[in-house]
N, C-alpha and C. Protein backbone atom coordinates (compact mmCIF):
# COMPACT_ATOMS: atom_id res chain seq x y z
N MET A 1 -8.11 -48.47 5.55
CA MET A 1 -9.50 -48.04 5.60
C MET A 1 -9.68 -47.12 6.79
N GLY A 2 -10.18 -45.96 6.55
CA GLY A 2 -10.38 -45.00 7.62
C GLY A 2 -9.08 -44.30 7.92
N ASN A 3 -9.18 -43.06 8.30
CA ASN A 3 -7.99 -42.28 8.60
C ASN A 3 -7.97 -41.95 10.07
N THR A 4 -6.80 -42.05 10.66
CA THR A 4 -6.64 -41.70 12.06
C THR A 4 -5.40 -40.85 12.18
N ILE A 5 -5.48 -39.79 12.94
CA ILE A 5 -4.33 -38.98 13.26
C ILE A 5 -4.14 -39.10 14.74
N ASN A 6 -2.96 -39.48 15.20
CA ASN A 6 -2.72 -39.63 16.62
C ASN A 6 -1.78 -38.55 17.12
N TYR A 7 -2.19 -37.83 18.11
CA TYR A 7 -1.38 -36.81 18.74
C TYR A 7 -1.25 -37.14 20.21
N ASP A 8 -0.74 -36.19 21.00
CA ASP A 8 -0.57 -36.44 22.43
C ASP A 8 -1.90 -36.72 23.09
N GLU A 9 -1.84 -37.44 24.20
CA GLU A 9 -3.05 -37.83 24.93
C GLU A 9 -3.74 -36.67 25.62
N GLY A 10 -3.03 -35.65 25.97
CA GLY A 10 -3.63 -34.53 26.68
C GLY A 10 -4.21 -33.52 25.72
N GLY A 11 -5.10 -32.70 26.20
CA GLY A 11 -5.69 -31.63 25.41
C GLY A 11 -5.03 -30.32 25.79
N VAL A 12 -5.74 -29.26 25.67
CA VAL A 12 -5.25 -27.95 26.02
C VAL A 12 -4.91 -27.93 27.50
N ASN A 13 -3.71 -27.46 27.85
CA ASN A 13 -3.24 -27.40 29.24
C ASN A 13 -3.32 -28.75 29.95
N GLY A 14 -3.12 -29.85 29.21
CA GLY A 14 -3.09 -31.16 29.83
C GLY A 14 -4.45 -31.77 30.13
N THR A 15 -5.56 -31.11 29.72
CA THR A 15 -6.88 -31.69 29.95
C THR A 15 -7.09 -32.87 29.01
N ALA A 16 -7.91 -33.79 29.41
CA ALA A 16 -8.15 -35.00 28.62
C ALA A 16 -8.92 -34.68 27.35
N LYS A 17 -8.64 -35.50 26.34
CA LYS A 17 -9.38 -35.40 25.08
C LYS A 17 -10.40 -36.52 25.03
N ASN A 18 -11.52 -36.26 24.38
CA ASN A 18 -12.57 -37.26 24.20
C ASN A 18 -12.98 -37.30 22.74
N TRP A 19 -13.52 -38.45 22.34
CA TRP A 19 -14.04 -38.61 20.98
C TRP A 19 -15.47 -38.10 20.91
N PHE A 20 -15.79 -37.42 19.81
CA PHE A 20 -17.14 -36.93 19.56
C PHE A 20 -17.51 -37.22 18.11
N ALA A 21 -18.79 -37.48 17.87
CA ALA A 21 -19.29 -37.62 16.51
C ALA A 21 -19.54 -36.24 15.94
N VAL A 22 -19.19 -36.06 14.68
CA VAL A 22 -19.38 -34.79 13.98
C VAL A 22 -20.34 -35.04 12.82
N PHE A 23 -21.39 -34.24 12.75
CA PHE A 23 -22.37 -34.34 11.66
C PHE A 23 -21.90 -33.43 10.54
N THR A 24 -21.80 -33.99 9.32
CA THR A 24 -21.28 -33.24 8.18
C THR A 24 -22.33 -33.05 7.09
N VAL A 25 -22.02 -32.17 6.16
CA VAL A 25 -22.83 -32.03 4.96
C VAL A 25 -22.80 -33.38 4.24
N PRO A 26 -23.94 -33.88 3.74
CA PRO A 26 -23.94 -35.18 3.06
C PRO A 26 -22.90 -35.22 1.93
N ARG A 27 -22.21 -36.33 1.83
CA ARG A 27 -21.19 -36.61 0.81
C ARG A 27 -19.97 -35.70 0.89
N HIS A 28 -19.73 -35.10 2.04
CA HIS A 28 -18.56 -34.26 2.25
C HIS A 28 -17.65 -34.79 3.35
N GLU A 29 -17.87 -36.04 3.76
CA GLU A 29 -17.12 -36.61 4.88
C GLU A 29 -15.61 -36.62 4.63
N LYS A 30 -15.19 -37.00 3.41
CA LYS A 30 -13.75 -37.06 3.10
C LYS A 30 -13.14 -35.67 3.05
N GLN A 31 -13.88 -34.71 2.52
CA GLN A 31 -13.39 -33.33 2.50
C GLN A 31 -13.22 -32.81 3.93
N VAL A 32 -14.21 -33.05 4.77
CA VAL A 32 -14.15 -32.61 6.17
C VAL A 32 -12.94 -33.26 6.83
N ASP A 33 -12.73 -34.55 6.61
CA ASP A 33 -11.59 -35.23 7.21
C ASP A 33 -10.28 -34.59 6.75
N GLY A 34 -10.20 -34.22 5.48
CA GLY A 34 -9.00 -33.54 4.97
C GLY A 34 -8.77 -32.20 5.65
N TYR A 35 -9.84 -31.42 5.83
CA TYR A 35 -9.72 -30.13 6.52
C TYR A 35 -9.29 -30.32 7.97
N LEU A 36 -9.83 -31.34 8.63
CA LEU A 36 -9.45 -31.61 10.02
C LEU A 36 -7.96 -31.95 10.10
N ARG A 37 -7.46 -32.73 9.15
CA ARG A 37 -6.05 -33.10 9.12
C ARG A 37 -5.17 -31.86 8.96
N VAL A 38 -5.54 -31.00 8.01
CA VAL A 38 -4.77 -29.78 7.76
C VAL A 38 -4.72 -28.92 9.01
N ARG A 39 -5.81 -28.87 9.76
CA ARG A 39 -5.87 -28.07 10.99
C ARG A 39 -5.32 -28.81 12.20
N GLU A 40 -4.76 -29.99 11.96
CA GLU A 40 -4.17 -30.83 13.01
C GLU A 40 -5.14 -31.15 14.14
N ILE A 41 -6.37 -31.45 13.75
CA ILE A 41 -7.39 -31.91 14.70
C ILE A 41 -7.47 -33.43 14.53
N GLU A 42 -7.29 -34.15 15.61
CA GLU A 42 -7.31 -35.61 15.55
C GLU A 42 -8.68 -36.08 15.08
N SER A 43 -8.67 -36.93 14.04
CA SER A 43 -9.95 -37.35 13.46
C SER A 43 -9.90 -38.82 13.06
N PHE A 44 -11.08 -39.37 12.86
CA PHE A 44 -11.22 -40.75 12.39
C PHE A 44 -12.45 -40.80 11.51
N LEU A 45 -12.25 -41.14 10.24
CA LEU A 45 -13.35 -41.33 9.30
C LEU A 45 -13.36 -42.81 8.93
N PRO A 46 -14.30 -43.59 9.50
CA PRO A 46 -14.35 -45.01 9.17
C PRO A 46 -14.85 -45.21 7.74
N LEU A 47 -14.03 -45.88 6.93
CA LEU A 47 -14.37 -46.13 5.53
C LEU A 47 -14.48 -47.63 5.27
N ILE A 48 -15.40 -47.98 4.38
CA ILE A 48 -15.54 -49.38 3.96
C ILE A 48 -15.30 -49.45 2.46
N ARG A 49 -14.79 -50.57 2.02
CA ARG A 49 -14.54 -50.78 0.59
C ARG A 49 -15.76 -51.48 -0.01
N VAL A 50 -16.28 -50.89 -1.08
CA VAL A 50 -17.51 -51.39 -1.69
C VAL A 50 -17.28 -51.58 -3.19
N PRO A 51 -17.62 -52.77 -3.73
CA PRO A 51 -17.50 -52.95 -5.18
C PRO A 51 -18.56 -52.11 -5.91
N ARG A 52 -18.18 -51.51 -7.01
CA ARG A 52 -19.10 -50.69 -7.80
C ARG A 52 -19.01 -51.08 -9.26
N ARG A 53 -20.11 -50.92 -9.96
CA ARG A 53 -20.15 -51.11 -11.41
C ARG A 53 -20.74 -49.83 -11.99
N TRP A 54 -20.00 -49.21 -12.91
CA TRP A 54 -20.45 -47.97 -13.50
C TRP A 54 -21.26 -48.23 -14.76
N LYS A 55 -21.92 -47.18 -15.26
CA LYS A 55 -22.80 -47.30 -16.42
C LYS A 55 -22.09 -47.83 -17.66
N ASP A 56 -20.79 -47.53 -17.79
CA ASP A 56 -20.04 -48.01 -18.96
C ASP A 56 -19.63 -49.48 -18.84
N GLY A 57 -20.02 -50.13 -17.74
CA GLY A 57 -19.72 -51.54 -17.53
C GLY A 57 -18.44 -51.81 -16.77
N SER A 58 -17.64 -50.79 -16.53
CA SER A 58 -16.41 -51.01 -15.78
C SER A 58 -16.71 -51.24 -14.31
N LYS A 59 -15.78 -51.96 -13.67
CA LYS A 59 -15.95 -52.30 -12.26
C LYS A 59 -14.78 -51.75 -11.48
N GLY A 60 -15.02 -51.55 -10.19
CA GLY A 60 -13.95 -51.07 -9.33
C GLY A 60 -14.38 -51.12 -7.87
N ILE A 61 -13.47 -50.71 -7.01
CA ILE A 61 -13.73 -50.66 -5.57
C ILE A 61 -13.66 -49.19 -5.15
N VAL A 62 -14.68 -48.75 -4.40
CA VAL A 62 -14.68 -47.39 -3.87
C VAL A 62 -14.72 -47.45 -2.34
N GLU A 63 -14.16 -46.43 -1.71
CA GLU A 63 -14.22 -46.33 -0.26
C GLU A 63 -15.31 -45.34 0.11
N LEU A 64 -16.28 -45.81 0.89
CA LEU A 64 -17.40 -44.99 1.32
C LEU A 64 -17.43 -44.92 2.84
N PRO A 65 -17.98 -43.85 3.39
CA PRO A 65 -18.09 -43.75 4.85
C PRO A 65 -18.97 -44.86 5.41
N LEU A 66 -18.52 -45.46 6.51
CA LEU A 66 -19.32 -46.46 7.21
C LEU A 66 -20.61 -45.83 7.72
N PHE A 67 -20.50 -44.59 8.23
CA PHE A 67 -21.66 -43.84 8.72
C PHE A 67 -21.81 -42.59 7.85
N PRO A 68 -22.65 -42.64 6.80
CA PRO A 68 -22.79 -41.46 5.95
C PRO A 68 -23.16 -40.21 6.76
N SER A 69 -22.48 -39.11 6.44
CA SER A 69 -22.66 -37.79 7.07
C SER A 69 -22.09 -37.68 8.47
N TYR A 70 -21.24 -38.64 8.88
CA TYR A 70 -20.63 -38.59 10.21
C TYR A 70 -19.15 -38.89 10.13
N SER A 71 -18.40 -38.24 10.98
CA SER A 71 -16.99 -38.51 11.21
C SER A 71 -16.77 -38.39 12.72
N PHE A 72 -15.56 -38.62 13.18
CA PHE A 72 -15.26 -38.54 14.60
C PHE A 72 -14.04 -37.67 14.81
N VAL A 73 -14.04 -36.89 15.89
CA VAL A 73 -12.90 -36.07 16.27
C VAL A 73 -12.58 -36.33 17.73
N ARG A 74 -11.30 -36.17 18.06
CA ARG A 74 -10.87 -36.32 19.45
C ARG A 74 -10.33 -34.97 19.88
N ILE A 75 -11.07 -34.31 20.78
CA ILE A 75 -10.73 -32.95 21.18
C ILE A 75 -10.81 -32.78 22.69
N GLY A 76 -10.13 -31.76 23.17
CA GLY A 76 -10.22 -31.37 24.58
C GLY A 76 -11.32 -30.33 24.75
N CYS A 77 -11.38 -29.76 25.93
CA CYS A 77 -12.47 -28.82 26.24
C CYS A 77 -12.46 -27.58 25.35
N GLY A 78 -11.33 -27.16 24.81
CA GLY A 78 -11.29 -25.98 23.95
C GLY A 78 -11.37 -26.30 22.47
N GLY A 79 -11.69 -27.52 22.11
CA GLY A 79 -11.65 -27.94 20.72
C GLY A 79 -12.93 -27.80 19.92
N ARG A 80 -14.03 -27.43 20.55
CA ARG A 80 -15.30 -27.35 19.83
C ARG A 80 -15.30 -26.29 18.73
N VAL A 81 -14.84 -25.09 19.04
CA VAL A 81 -14.90 -23.99 18.07
C VAL A 81 -14.07 -24.28 16.82
N PRO A 82 -12.82 -24.76 16.96
CA PRO A 82 -12.06 -25.09 15.75
C PRO A 82 -12.75 -26.16 14.88
N VAL A 83 -13.38 -27.14 15.51
CA VAL A 83 -14.08 -28.18 14.74
C VAL A 83 -15.29 -27.59 14.03
N LEU A 84 -16.07 -26.79 14.73
CA LEU A 84 -17.27 -26.20 14.14
C LEU A 84 -16.96 -25.19 13.04
N SER A 85 -15.71 -24.70 12.99
CA SER A 85 -15.34 -23.74 11.94
C SER A 85 -14.82 -24.44 10.68
N VAL A 86 -14.72 -25.75 10.70
CA VAL A 86 -14.26 -26.50 9.53
C VAL A 86 -15.38 -26.51 8.47
N PRO A 87 -15.07 -26.15 7.21
CA PRO A 87 -16.09 -26.19 6.16
C PRO A 87 -16.69 -27.59 6.04
N GLY A 88 -18.00 -27.68 5.99
CA GLY A 88 -18.70 -28.95 5.87
C GLY A 88 -19.17 -29.54 7.18
N VAL A 89 -18.67 -29.04 8.32
CA VAL A 89 -19.13 -29.52 9.62
C VAL A 89 -20.40 -28.77 9.98
N LEU A 90 -21.47 -29.51 10.26
CA LEU A 90 -22.74 -28.89 10.63
C LEU A 90 -22.90 -28.79 12.14
N SER A 91 -22.46 -29.83 12.87
CA SER A 91 -22.58 -29.81 14.32
C SER A 91 -21.77 -30.92 14.95
N ILE A 92 -21.56 -30.78 16.25
CA ILE A 92 -21.00 -31.87 17.05
C ILE A 92 -22.20 -32.54 17.71
N VAL A 93 -22.33 -33.84 17.52
CA VAL A 93 -23.53 -34.56 17.94
C VAL A 93 -23.67 -34.53 19.46
N GLY A 94 -24.89 -34.37 19.91
CA GLY A 94 -25.19 -34.35 21.33
C GLY A 94 -25.74 -33.01 21.77
N GLY A 95 -25.46 -31.98 20.98
CA GLY A 95 -26.01 -30.66 21.22
C GLY A 95 -25.60 -30.05 22.55
N GLY A 96 -25.94 -28.80 22.69
CA GLY A 96 -25.67 -28.08 23.92
C GLY A 96 -24.19 -27.87 24.15
N ARG A 97 -23.87 -27.30 25.28
CA ARG A 97 -22.48 -27.02 25.62
C ARG A 97 -21.73 -28.29 25.99
N LYS A 98 -22.44 -29.28 26.45
CA LYS A 98 -21.82 -30.56 26.84
C LYS A 98 -22.25 -31.64 25.85
N SER A 99 -21.49 -31.83 24.78
CA SER A 99 -21.79 -32.89 23.83
C SER A 99 -21.46 -34.24 24.45
N MET A 100 -22.12 -35.28 23.96
CA MET A 100 -21.92 -36.63 24.48
C MET A 100 -20.68 -37.24 23.82
N SER A 101 -19.73 -37.67 24.64
CA SER A 101 -18.51 -38.26 24.09
C SER A 101 -18.71 -39.75 23.81
N ILE A 102 -17.79 -40.28 23.00
CA ILE A 102 -17.79 -41.68 22.61
C ILE A 102 -16.56 -42.32 23.24
N SER A 103 -16.69 -43.50 23.77
CA SER A 103 -15.57 -44.14 24.47
C SER A 103 -14.43 -44.45 23.51
N ASP A 104 -13.21 -44.38 24.04
CA ASP A 104 -12.03 -44.75 23.27
C ASP A 104 -12.15 -46.19 22.78
N SER A 105 -12.73 -47.07 23.61
CA SER A 105 -12.83 -48.49 23.24
C SER A 105 -13.74 -48.69 22.02
N TYR A 106 -14.79 -47.88 21.88
CA TYR A 106 -15.68 -48.00 20.72
C TYR A 106 -14.93 -47.59 19.45
N ILE A 107 -14.17 -46.49 19.51
CA ILE A 107 -13.41 -46.04 18.35
C ILE A 107 -12.34 -47.08 18.00
N HIS A 108 -11.65 -47.61 19.03
CA HIS A 108 -10.64 -48.64 18.80
C HIS A 108 -11.28 -49.88 18.15
N PHE A 109 -12.44 -50.26 18.64
CA PHE A 109 -13.16 -51.40 18.07
C PHE A 109 -13.46 -51.16 16.59
N LEU A 110 -13.95 -49.96 16.24
CA LEU A 110 -14.24 -49.64 14.84
C LEU A 110 -12.97 -49.74 13.99
N GLN A 111 -11.88 -49.15 14.48
CA GLN A 111 -10.62 -49.17 13.74
C GLN A 111 -10.15 -50.60 13.50
N LYS A 112 -10.15 -51.41 14.54
CA LYS A 112 -9.68 -52.79 14.43
C LYS A 112 -10.62 -53.62 13.55
N GLY A 113 -11.91 -53.47 13.75
CA GLY A 113 -12.88 -54.22 12.95
C GLY A 113 -12.80 -53.90 11.47
N LEU A 114 -12.55 -52.63 11.14
CA LEU A 114 -12.41 -52.24 9.73
C LEU A 114 -11.12 -52.82 9.15
N GLN A 115 -10.04 -52.81 9.92
CA GLN A 115 -8.77 -53.38 9.45
C GLN A 115 -8.93 -54.86 9.16
N GLU A 116 -9.69 -55.56 9.98
CA GLU A 116 -9.87 -57.00 9.82
C GLU A 116 -10.99 -57.35 8.85
N GLY A 117 -11.71 -56.35 8.35
CA GLY A 117 -12.80 -56.59 7.41
C GLY A 117 -14.01 -57.27 8.02
N LYS A 118 -14.22 -57.10 9.34
CA LYS A 118 -15.32 -57.76 10.03
C LYS A 118 -16.50 -56.85 10.31
N ILE A 119 -16.47 -55.64 9.79
CA ILE A 119 -17.56 -54.69 10.04
C ILE A 119 -18.20 -54.31 8.72
N GLU A 120 -19.51 -54.26 8.72
CA GLU A 120 -20.26 -53.78 7.56
C GLU A 120 -21.44 -52.96 8.06
N PRO A 121 -21.93 -52.03 7.24
CA PRO A 121 -23.07 -51.21 7.69
C PRO A 121 -24.31 -52.07 7.89
N HIS A 122 -25.19 -51.58 8.73
CA HIS A 122 -26.44 -52.28 9.00
C HIS A 122 -27.50 -51.24 9.33
N PRO A 123 -28.75 -51.46 8.94
CA PRO A 123 -29.79 -50.49 9.28
C PRO A 123 -29.91 -50.29 10.79
N TYR A 124 -30.25 -49.08 11.19
CA TYR A 124 -30.42 -48.76 12.60
C TYR A 124 -31.57 -49.57 13.18
N LEU A 125 -31.36 -50.17 14.36
CA LEU A 125 -32.38 -50.98 15.02
C LEU A 125 -32.72 -50.38 16.37
N THR A 126 -33.98 -50.51 16.76
CA THR A 126 -34.37 -50.04 18.08
C THR A 126 -34.85 -51.17 18.99
N SER A 127 -35.13 -52.33 18.42
CA SER A 127 -35.58 -53.43 19.28
C SER A 127 -35.09 -54.76 18.74
N GLY A 128 -35.16 -55.80 19.57
CA GLY A 128 -34.72 -57.14 19.19
C GLY A 128 -34.11 -57.82 20.40
N ALA A 129 -33.56 -58.99 20.17
CA ALA A 129 -32.96 -59.77 21.25
C ALA A 129 -31.62 -59.16 21.64
N LYS A 130 -31.52 -58.66 22.87
CA LYS A 130 -30.27 -58.06 23.33
C LYS A 130 -29.32 -59.14 23.82
N VAL A 131 -28.04 -58.99 23.40
CA VAL A 131 -27.01 -59.90 23.84
C VAL A 131 -25.79 -59.10 24.28
N ARG A 132 -24.91 -59.76 25.04
CA ARG A 132 -23.67 -59.15 25.49
C ARG A 132 -22.51 -60.00 24.96
N ILE A 133 -21.48 -59.34 24.42
CA ILE A 133 -20.29 -60.04 23.96
C ILE A 133 -19.45 -60.39 25.19
N ARG A 134 -19.06 -61.66 25.31
CA ARG A 134 -18.37 -62.13 26.52
C ARG A 134 -16.85 -62.08 26.42
N SER A 135 -16.29 -62.10 25.22
CA SER A 135 -14.83 -62.15 25.11
C SER A 135 -14.36 -61.32 23.93
N GLY A 136 -13.06 -61.08 23.88
CA GLY A 136 -12.46 -60.33 22.79
C GLY A 136 -12.41 -58.84 23.06
N ALA A 137 -12.09 -58.07 22.03
CA ALA A 137 -11.90 -56.63 22.16
C ALA A 137 -13.17 -55.91 22.62
N MET A 138 -14.32 -56.46 22.33
CA MET A 138 -15.58 -55.79 22.68
C MET A 138 -16.31 -56.49 23.83
N ALA A 139 -15.59 -57.21 24.66
CA ALA A 139 -16.20 -57.89 25.81
C ALA A 139 -16.98 -56.89 26.64
N GLY A 140 -18.22 -57.25 26.97
CA GLY A 140 -19.08 -56.40 27.79
C GLY A 140 -20.01 -55.51 26.99
N VAL A 141 -19.76 -55.35 25.68
CA VAL A 141 -20.61 -54.50 24.85
C VAL A 141 -21.89 -55.26 24.52
N GLU A 142 -23.00 -54.53 24.58
CA GLU A 142 -24.30 -55.15 24.28
C GLU A 142 -24.78 -54.74 22.90
N GLY A 143 -25.53 -55.63 22.29
CA GLY A 143 -26.08 -55.35 20.97
C GLY A 143 -27.27 -56.26 20.69
N ILE A 144 -27.71 -56.26 19.44
CA ILE A 144 -28.86 -57.04 19.00
C ILE A 144 -28.34 -58.24 18.21
N LEU A 145 -28.83 -59.42 18.53
CA LEU A 145 -28.38 -60.63 17.85
C LEU A 145 -29.22 -60.90 16.61
N LEU A 146 -28.52 -61.21 15.52
CA LEU A 146 -29.16 -61.61 14.26
C LEU A 146 -28.56 -62.93 13.83
N ARG A 147 -29.26 -63.62 12.97
CA ARG A 147 -28.71 -64.86 12.41
C ARG A 147 -28.82 -64.76 10.90
N LYS A 148 -27.71 -65.03 10.21
CA LYS A 148 -27.69 -65.02 8.75
C LYS A 148 -27.17 -66.38 8.31
N LYS A 149 -28.05 -67.20 7.79
CA LYS A 149 -27.74 -68.58 7.45
C LYS A 149 -27.20 -69.29 8.68
N ASN A 150 -25.98 -69.79 8.65
CA ASN A 150 -25.43 -70.48 9.81
C ASN A 150 -24.52 -69.60 10.66
N ASP A 151 -24.36 -68.33 10.29
CA ASP A 151 -23.48 -67.42 11.02
C ASP A 151 -24.28 -66.50 11.92
N PHE A 152 -23.71 -66.12 13.05
CA PHE A 152 -24.35 -65.19 13.96
C PHE A 152 -23.67 -63.85 13.86
N ARG A 153 -24.46 -62.79 13.97
CA ARG A 153 -23.94 -61.43 13.94
C ARG A 153 -24.59 -60.65 15.07
N VAL A 154 -23.84 -59.69 15.59
CA VAL A 154 -24.38 -58.79 16.60
C VAL A 154 -24.37 -57.39 16.00
N VAL A 155 -25.48 -56.70 16.12
CA VAL A 155 -25.57 -55.32 15.66
C VAL A 155 -25.30 -54.42 16.85
N LEU A 156 -24.26 -53.59 16.75
CA LEU A 156 -23.91 -52.63 17.78
C LEU A 156 -24.37 -51.26 17.33
N THR A 157 -25.04 -50.54 18.21
CA THR A 157 -25.63 -49.26 17.84
C THR A 157 -24.99 -48.12 18.60
N LEU A 158 -24.67 -47.06 17.88
CA LEU A 158 -24.21 -45.82 18.47
C LEU A 158 -25.43 -44.91 18.50
N GLU A 159 -26.14 -44.94 19.64
CA GLU A 159 -27.44 -44.28 19.78
C GLU A 159 -27.44 -42.81 19.37
N MET A 160 -26.38 -42.06 19.76
CA MET A 160 -26.42 -40.62 19.56
C MET A 160 -26.46 -40.21 18.09
N ILE A 161 -25.96 -41.07 17.18
CA ILE A 161 -26.05 -40.73 15.76
C ILE A 161 -27.01 -41.65 15.02
N MET A 162 -27.70 -42.50 15.76
CA MET A 162 -28.68 -43.43 15.20
C MET A 162 -28.10 -44.22 14.03
N LYS A 163 -26.93 -44.81 14.25
CA LYS A 163 -26.28 -45.66 13.25
C LYS A 163 -25.85 -46.95 13.92
N SER A 164 -25.77 -48.02 13.11
CA SER A 164 -25.41 -49.33 13.63
C SER A 164 -24.38 -49.98 12.74
N VAL A 165 -23.62 -50.91 13.31
CA VAL A 165 -22.71 -51.76 12.55
C VAL A 165 -22.99 -53.20 12.93
N LYS A 166 -22.67 -54.11 12.00
CA LYS A 166 -22.92 -55.53 12.21
C LYS A 166 -21.58 -56.24 12.22
N ILE A 167 -21.33 -57.08 13.25
CA ILE A 167 -20.09 -57.85 13.32
C ILE A 167 -20.41 -59.32 13.47
N GLU A 168 -19.50 -60.16 12.96
CA GLU A 168 -19.67 -61.61 13.10
C GLU A 168 -19.18 -62.05 14.47
N VAL A 169 -19.89 -62.96 15.07
CA VAL A 169 -19.51 -63.49 16.37
C VAL A 169 -19.74 -64.99 16.39
N GLU A 170 -19.06 -65.67 17.29
CA GLU A 170 -19.31 -67.07 17.54
C GLU A 170 -20.40 -67.15 18.60
N LEU A 171 -21.28 -68.10 18.51
CA LEU A 171 -22.37 -68.24 19.47
C LEU A 171 -21.84 -68.38 20.90
N ASP A 172 -20.69 -69.01 21.06
CA ASP A 172 -20.11 -69.18 22.40
C ASP A 172 -19.61 -67.86 23.00
N ASP A 173 -19.43 -66.83 22.18
CA ASP A 173 -18.87 -65.56 22.64
C ASP A 173 -19.94 -64.56 23.06
N ILE A 174 -21.20 -64.96 23.09
CA ILE A 174 -22.27 -64.04 23.49
C ILE A 174 -23.14 -64.66 24.57
N GLU A 175 -23.81 -63.78 25.32
CA GLU A 175 -24.73 -64.26 26.35
C GLU A 175 -25.96 -63.36 26.33
N PRO A 176 -27.11 -63.91 26.70
CA PRO A 176 -28.33 -63.11 26.71
C PRO A 176 -28.28 -62.02 27.78
N VAL A 177 -28.98 -60.94 27.52
CA VAL A 177 -29.09 -59.82 28.47
C VAL A 177 -30.56 -59.63 28.78
N GLY A 178 -30.87 -59.35 30.04
CA GLY A 178 -32.26 -59.02 30.37
C GLY A 178 -32.98 -60.12 31.09
N ARG A 179 -34.21 -60.38 30.63
CA ARG A 179 -35.16 -61.25 31.30
C ARG A 179 -34.55 -62.48 31.95
N ALA A 180 -35.17 -62.88 33.03
CA ALA A 180 -34.79 -64.14 33.69
C ALA A 180 -35.05 -65.27 32.73
N GLY A 181 -34.17 -66.21 32.68
CA GLY A 181 -34.34 -67.32 31.76
C GLY A 181 -33.65 -67.08 30.45
N GLY A 182 -33.35 -65.82 30.12
CA GLY A 182 -32.58 -65.49 28.92
C GLY A 182 -33.37 -65.63 27.63
N ILE A 183 -32.62 -65.68 26.57
CA ILE A 183 -33.17 -65.74 25.21
C ILE A 183 -32.85 -67.10 24.64
N ASP A 184 -33.80 -67.71 23.98
CA ASP A 184 -33.57 -68.98 23.33
C ASP A 184 -32.85 -68.69 22.02
N LEU A 185 -31.51 -68.87 22.01
CA LEU A 185 -30.72 -68.53 20.84
C LEU A 185 -31.03 -69.42 19.64
N SER A 186 -31.66 -70.56 19.84
CA SER A 186 -31.99 -71.42 18.71
C SER A 186 -33.17 -70.87 17.91
N ARG A 187 -33.86 -69.88 18.45
CA ARG A 187 -35.02 -69.32 17.76
C ARG A 187 -34.75 -67.93 17.21
N VAL A 188 -33.50 -67.57 17.06
CA VAL A 188 -33.16 -66.25 16.54
C VAL A 188 -33.61 -66.16 15.08
N GLU A 189 -34.23 -65.07 14.73
CA GLU A 189 -34.78 -64.88 13.38
C GLU A 189 -33.67 -64.75 12.34
N GLU A 190 -33.94 -65.22 11.15
CA GLU A 190 -33.02 -65.05 10.03
C GLU A 190 -33.00 -63.58 9.63
N ALA A 191 -31.82 -63.05 9.29
CA ALA A 191 -31.69 -61.66 8.84
C ALA A 191 -30.99 -61.64 7.50
N ALA A 192 -31.35 -60.68 6.72
CA ALA A 192 -30.76 -60.56 5.38
C ALA A 192 -29.33 -60.12 5.45
């Protein structure tokens, strides 16, 4: 699930490479990823497997982008123009000459979570009970706590593209963030 191309750690003339979100033409994410591969631009298109039923009654599994209209590229300081010249790429998220990069740990988390089947799309959220993950690959990351039946989930948001993902967590692996006294985790609202 998801494609990753790994090249050397350095960019042009040994400068560091960073991950950036790329905004694409709707429903062209896989084509854009293919063009990036052909041009040897390091990319990551997070894909999820979704069951589908077609009009003729047949069933199957399709791979869809986790974040519709978005992909990720890892480029150095001279990599913007080649990415923007790829058919289907509309922009590099963050605007201006200095786009906002995404941490390597967030991309690694997405890759690992998709491999383990622990990530699913979730509507973008702007408010709710903030929590911090205390252990594991995403220790220190903050998100919004939800409760679905007897399971707890944390919604992690990538603000710059206004998209979120939901992961399962153990109650012992999270801690409240913010106000003195914390959040009463026994009163967390049920989420669909």
